[in-house]
N, C-alpha and C. Protein backbone atom coordinates (compact mmCIF):
# COMPACT_ATOMS: atom_id res chain seq x y z
N MET A 1 5.16 14.94 -22.88
CA MET A 1 4.32 16.05 -22.48
C MET A 1 2.90 15.53 -22.24
N ALA A 2 2.27 16.02 -21.18
CA ALA A 2 0.92 15.59 -20.84
C ALA A 2 -0.07 16.13 -21.86
N LYS A 3 -1.10 15.35 -22.11
CA LYS A 3 -2.11 15.80 -23.06
C LYS A 3 -2.97 16.88 -22.42
N SER A 4 -3.37 17.85 -23.21
CA SER A 4 -4.20 18.94 -22.72
C SER A 4 -5.67 18.52 -22.78
N THR A 5 -6.39 18.82 -21.74
CA THR A 5 -7.82 18.51 -21.69
C THR A 5 -8.57 19.72 -21.18
N VAL A 6 -9.88 19.66 -21.27
CA VAL A 6 -10.68 20.75 -20.73
C VAL A 6 -10.52 20.85 -19.23
N LEU A 7 -10.09 19.78 -18.58
CA LEU A 7 -9.84 19.84 -17.15
C LEU A 7 -8.66 20.76 -16.86
N ASP A 8 -7.71 20.86 -17.79
CA ASP A 8 -6.56 21.75 -17.62
C ASP A 8 -6.96 23.21 -17.71
N GLN A 9 -8.16 23.48 -18.20
CA GLN A 9 -8.62 24.85 -18.41
C GLN A 9 -9.42 25.35 -17.21
N THR A 10 -8.94 25.10 -16.00
CA THR A 10 -9.72 25.44 -14.81
C THR A 10 -9.94 26.93 -14.66
N GLU A 11 -9.12 27.75 -15.32
CA GLU A 11 -9.35 29.20 -15.24
C GLU A 11 -10.52 29.62 -16.13
N ILE A 12 -10.96 28.74 -17.02
CA ILE A 12 -12.10 29.02 -17.88
C ILE A 12 -13.36 28.46 -17.22
N ARG A 13 -14.36 29.31 -17.07
CA ARG A 13 -15.61 28.84 -16.46
C ARG A 13 -16.27 27.82 -17.38
N VAL A 14 -16.91 26.84 -16.79
CA VAL A 14 -17.56 25.78 -17.57
C VAL A 14 -18.61 26.38 -18.50
N VAL A 15 -19.33 27.39 -18.05
CA VAL A 15 -20.36 27.99 -18.89
C VAL A 15 -19.79 28.66 -20.14
N ASP A 16 -18.49 28.94 -20.13
CA ASP A 16 -17.85 29.57 -21.28
C ASP A 16 -17.25 28.55 -22.25
N LEU A 17 -17.34 27.27 -21.93
CA LEU A 17 -16.82 26.23 -22.81
C LEU A 17 -17.82 25.93 -23.94
N SER A 18 -17.31 25.38 -25.02
CA SER A 18 -18.17 24.97 -26.12
C SER A 18 -19.01 23.77 -25.69
N ASP A 19 -20.07 23.49 -26.45
CA ASP A 19 -20.89 22.31 -26.15
C ASP A 19 -20.04 21.05 -26.15
N ARG A 20 -19.15 20.93 -27.12
CA ARG A 20 -18.28 19.74 -27.23
C ARG A 20 -17.41 19.60 -25.98
N GLU A 21 -16.87 20.71 -25.49
CA GLU A 21 -16.02 20.67 -24.30
C GLU A 21 -16.83 20.34 -23.05
N VAL A 22 -18.04 20.89 -22.97
CA VAL A 22 -18.91 20.60 -21.83
C VAL A 22 -19.24 19.11 -21.81
N LEU A 23 -19.60 18.56 -22.95
CA LEU A 23 -19.92 17.13 -23.02
C LEU A 23 -18.71 16.27 -22.67
N ALA A 24 -17.53 16.69 -23.09
CA ALA A 24 -16.31 15.95 -22.73
C ALA A 24 -16.11 15.96 -21.23
N LEU A 25 -16.36 17.09 -20.59
CA LEU A 25 -16.23 17.16 -19.14
C LEU A 25 -17.27 16.30 -18.43
N CYS A 26 -18.45 16.18 -19.02
CA CYS A 26 -19.49 15.33 -18.42
C CYS A 26 -19.03 13.88 -18.30
N ASP A 27 -18.13 13.47 -19.16
CA ASP A 27 -17.63 12.09 -19.16
C ASP A 27 -16.27 11.95 -18.50
N TRP A 28 -15.78 13.01 -17.85
CA TRP A 28 -14.43 13.00 -17.30
C TRP A 28 -14.25 11.91 -16.25
N GLN A 29 -13.08 11.31 -16.27
CA GLN A 29 -12.64 10.41 -15.21
C GLN A 29 -11.12 10.39 -15.24
N LEU A 30 -10.51 9.94 -14.16
CA LEU A 30 -9.05 9.79 -14.17
C LEU A 30 -8.67 8.89 -15.34
N ASP A 31 -7.54 9.18 -15.96
CA ASP A 31 -7.11 8.26 -17.02
C ASP A 31 -6.68 6.95 -16.39
N SER A 32 -6.59 5.91 -17.19
CA SER A 32 -6.36 4.57 -16.65
C SER A 32 -5.04 4.47 -15.89
N GLU A 33 -4.03 5.17 -16.34
CA GLU A 33 -2.73 5.14 -15.64
C GLU A 33 -2.84 5.79 -14.26
N GLN A 34 -3.50 6.94 -14.17
CA GLN A 34 -3.69 7.61 -12.89
C GLN A 34 -4.56 6.76 -11.97
N ASN A 35 -5.59 6.15 -12.52
CA ASN A 35 -6.49 5.33 -11.73
C ASN A 35 -5.76 4.12 -11.14
N GLU A 36 -4.95 3.47 -11.97
CA GLU A 36 -4.18 2.32 -11.48
C GLU A 36 -3.20 2.74 -10.39
N GLU A 37 -2.53 3.88 -10.62
CA GLU A 37 -1.57 4.37 -9.63
C GLU A 37 -2.27 4.69 -8.31
N ALA A 38 -3.40 5.38 -8.38
CA ALA A 38 -4.14 5.72 -7.17
C ALA A 38 -4.61 4.47 -6.44
N SER A 39 -5.09 3.48 -7.19
CA SER A 39 -5.54 2.23 -6.57
C SER A 39 -4.41 1.55 -5.82
N GLY A 40 -3.24 1.51 -6.45
CA GLY A 40 -2.09 0.90 -5.80
C GLY A 40 -1.68 1.64 -4.54
N LEU A 41 -1.67 2.96 -4.62
CA LEU A 41 -1.30 3.76 -3.45
C LEU A 41 -2.34 3.62 -2.33
N LEU A 42 -3.61 3.56 -2.69
CA LEU A 42 -4.65 3.37 -1.67
C LEU A 42 -4.51 2.01 -0.99
N GLU A 43 -4.14 1.01 -1.78
CA GLU A 43 -3.92 -0.32 -1.19
C GLU A 43 -2.75 -0.29 -0.21
N GLU A 44 -1.68 0.37 -0.62
CA GLU A 44 -0.52 0.50 0.29
C GLU A 44 -0.92 1.25 1.56
N GLN A 45 -1.75 2.28 1.41
CA GLN A 45 -2.20 3.04 2.57
C GLN A 45 -3.02 2.16 3.51
N ARG A 46 -3.93 1.36 2.95
CA ARG A 46 -4.75 0.47 3.78
C ARG A 46 -3.88 -0.53 4.55
N GLU A 47 -2.80 -0.96 3.89
CA GLU A 47 -1.90 -1.92 4.52
C GLU A 47 -0.82 -1.25 5.36
N GLU A 48 -0.94 0.07 5.51
CA GLU A 48 -0.01 0.87 6.31
C GLU A 48 1.44 0.73 5.83
N ARG A 49 1.61 0.65 4.49
CA ARG A 49 2.94 0.54 3.89
C ARG A 49 3.29 1.77 3.06
N LEU A 50 2.48 2.81 3.11
CA LEU A 50 2.67 3.98 2.26
C LEU A 50 3.72 4.90 2.87
N ASP A 51 4.79 5.16 2.10
CA ASP A 51 5.84 6.07 2.58
C ASP A 51 5.47 7.52 2.26
N GLU A 52 6.35 8.45 2.63
CA GLU A 52 6.07 9.87 2.45
C GLU A 52 5.92 10.23 0.97
N VAL A 53 6.76 9.68 0.12
CA VAL A 53 6.67 9.95 -1.31
C VAL A 53 5.31 9.46 -1.84
N GLY A 54 4.90 8.29 -1.40
CA GLY A 54 3.60 7.75 -1.81
C GLY A 54 2.46 8.60 -1.31
N ARG A 55 2.57 9.10 -0.07
CA ARG A 55 1.51 9.96 0.49
C ARG A 55 1.37 11.25 -0.32
N VAL A 56 2.52 11.82 -0.68
CA VAL A 56 2.48 13.06 -1.48
C VAL A 56 1.84 12.79 -2.83
N ARG A 57 2.24 11.69 -3.47
CA ARG A 57 1.68 11.37 -4.79
C ARG A 57 0.19 11.06 -4.71
N LEU A 58 -0.22 10.32 -3.67
CA LEU A 58 -1.65 10.02 -3.49
C LEU A 58 -2.43 11.31 -3.30
N ASN A 59 -1.88 12.25 -2.53
CA ASN A 59 -2.54 13.54 -2.33
C ASN A 59 -2.68 14.28 -3.66
N GLU A 60 -1.64 14.26 -4.49
CA GLU A 60 -1.71 14.91 -5.81
C GLU A 60 -2.81 14.29 -6.67
N LEU A 61 -2.86 12.97 -6.68
CA LEU A 61 -3.88 12.28 -7.48
C LEU A 61 -5.28 12.57 -6.96
N MET A 62 -5.43 12.64 -5.64
CA MET A 62 -6.74 12.93 -5.07
C MET A 62 -7.17 14.37 -5.39
N GLN A 63 -6.21 15.30 -5.44
CA GLN A 63 -6.54 16.67 -5.82
C GLN A 63 -7.01 16.72 -7.27
N ILE A 64 -6.33 15.99 -8.14
CA ILE A 64 -6.75 15.91 -9.55
C ILE A 64 -8.16 15.33 -9.62
N TYR A 65 -8.40 14.27 -8.87
CA TYR A 65 -9.72 13.63 -8.87
C TYR A 65 -10.80 14.59 -8.38
N ARG A 66 -10.55 15.24 -7.25
CA ARG A 66 -11.55 16.17 -6.70
C ARG A 66 -11.83 17.32 -7.66
N ARG A 67 -10.76 17.90 -8.22
CA ARG A 67 -10.93 19.01 -9.17
C ARG A 67 -11.74 18.53 -10.39
N GLY A 68 -11.41 17.34 -10.85
CA GLY A 68 -12.13 16.78 -12.00
C GLY A 68 -13.60 16.54 -11.72
N MET A 69 -13.88 16.03 -10.54
CA MET A 69 -15.28 15.76 -10.21
C MET A 69 -16.09 17.04 -10.02
N VAL A 70 -15.46 18.08 -9.49
CA VAL A 70 -16.16 19.37 -9.38
C VAL A 70 -16.45 19.91 -10.76
N ARG A 71 -15.46 19.88 -11.64
CA ARG A 71 -15.66 20.37 -13.02
C ARG A 71 -16.71 19.51 -13.73
N ARG A 72 -16.67 18.21 -13.50
CA ARG A 72 -17.66 17.31 -14.12
C ARG A 72 -19.07 17.68 -13.65
N SER A 73 -19.23 17.92 -12.36
CA SER A 73 -20.53 18.30 -11.82
C SER A 73 -21.01 19.61 -12.43
N GLU A 74 -20.11 20.59 -12.54
CA GLU A 74 -20.47 21.86 -13.16
C GLU A 74 -20.89 21.63 -14.62
N ALA A 75 -20.17 20.77 -15.32
CA ALA A 75 -20.48 20.49 -16.73
C ALA A 75 -21.83 19.82 -16.87
N LEU A 76 -22.18 18.93 -15.97
CA LEU A 76 -23.49 18.29 -16.03
C LEU A 76 -24.61 19.31 -15.89
N VAL A 77 -24.44 20.26 -14.98
CA VAL A 77 -25.44 21.30 -14.80
C VAL A 77 -25.58 22.13 -16.08
N VAL A 78 -24.45 22.53 -16.64
CA VAL A 78 -24.46 23.34 -17.86
C VAL A 78 -25.07 22.55 -19.03
N ALA A 79 -24.70 21.29 -19.14
CA ALA A 79 -25.21 20.46 -20.24
C ALA A 79 -26.73 20.31 -20.16
N VAL A 80 -27.27 20.14 -18.97
CA VAL A 80 -28.72 20.04 -18.81
C VAL A 80 -29.38 21.38 -19.18
N LYS A 81 -28.80 22.48 -18.70
CA LYS A 81 -29.37 23.80 -18.99
C LYS A 81 -29.36 24.09 -20.49
N ARG A 82 -28.33 23.63 -21.19
CA ARG A 82 -28.24 23.85 -22.64
C ARG A 82 -29.07 22.84 -23.45
N GLY A 83 -29.63 21.86 -22.77
CA GLY A 83 -30.41 20.85 -23.45
C GLY A 83 -29.56 19.81 -24.18
N LEU A 84 -28.29 19.69 -23.78
CA LEU A 84 -27.38 18.74 -24.41
C LEU A 84 -27.61 17.32 -23.91
N ILE A 85 -28.07 17.22 -22.67
CA ILE A 85 -28.39 15.92 -22.07
C ILE A 85 -29.69 16.10 -21.27
N PRO A 86 -30.42 15.01 -21.07
CA PRO A 86 -31.64 15.11 -20.27
C PRO A 86 -31.29 15.30 -18.79
N PRO A 87 -32.20 15.86 -18.01
CA PRO A 87 -31.95 15.99 -16.57
C PRO A 87 -31.66 14.63 -15.94
N LEU A 88 -30.77 14.63 -14.98
CA LEU A 88 -30.41 13.39 -14.31
C LEU A 88 -31.43 13.05 -13.24
N GLY A 89 -31.61 11.76 -13.03
CA GLY A 89 -32.45 11.27 -11.95
C GLY A 89 -33.88 11.53 -12.16
């Protein structure tokens, strides 16, 4: 069974998460297994060796990545507003 994370809670607004959950989202990234898989699929795509199954899986991983980065961005805004982290840049 996949581990549950605050990223799985996309129906919950970031502003409604606890400080601990917001900070966890600020550090979100693909897990190492997903990252390795995506890297391999991207390499196959560059070499024009990616089959339909690989394209579907790469699309799934990219959706996870995009959703995660949007949630991470929202969490950074919330964390700054709450004074949990200093403003970026």
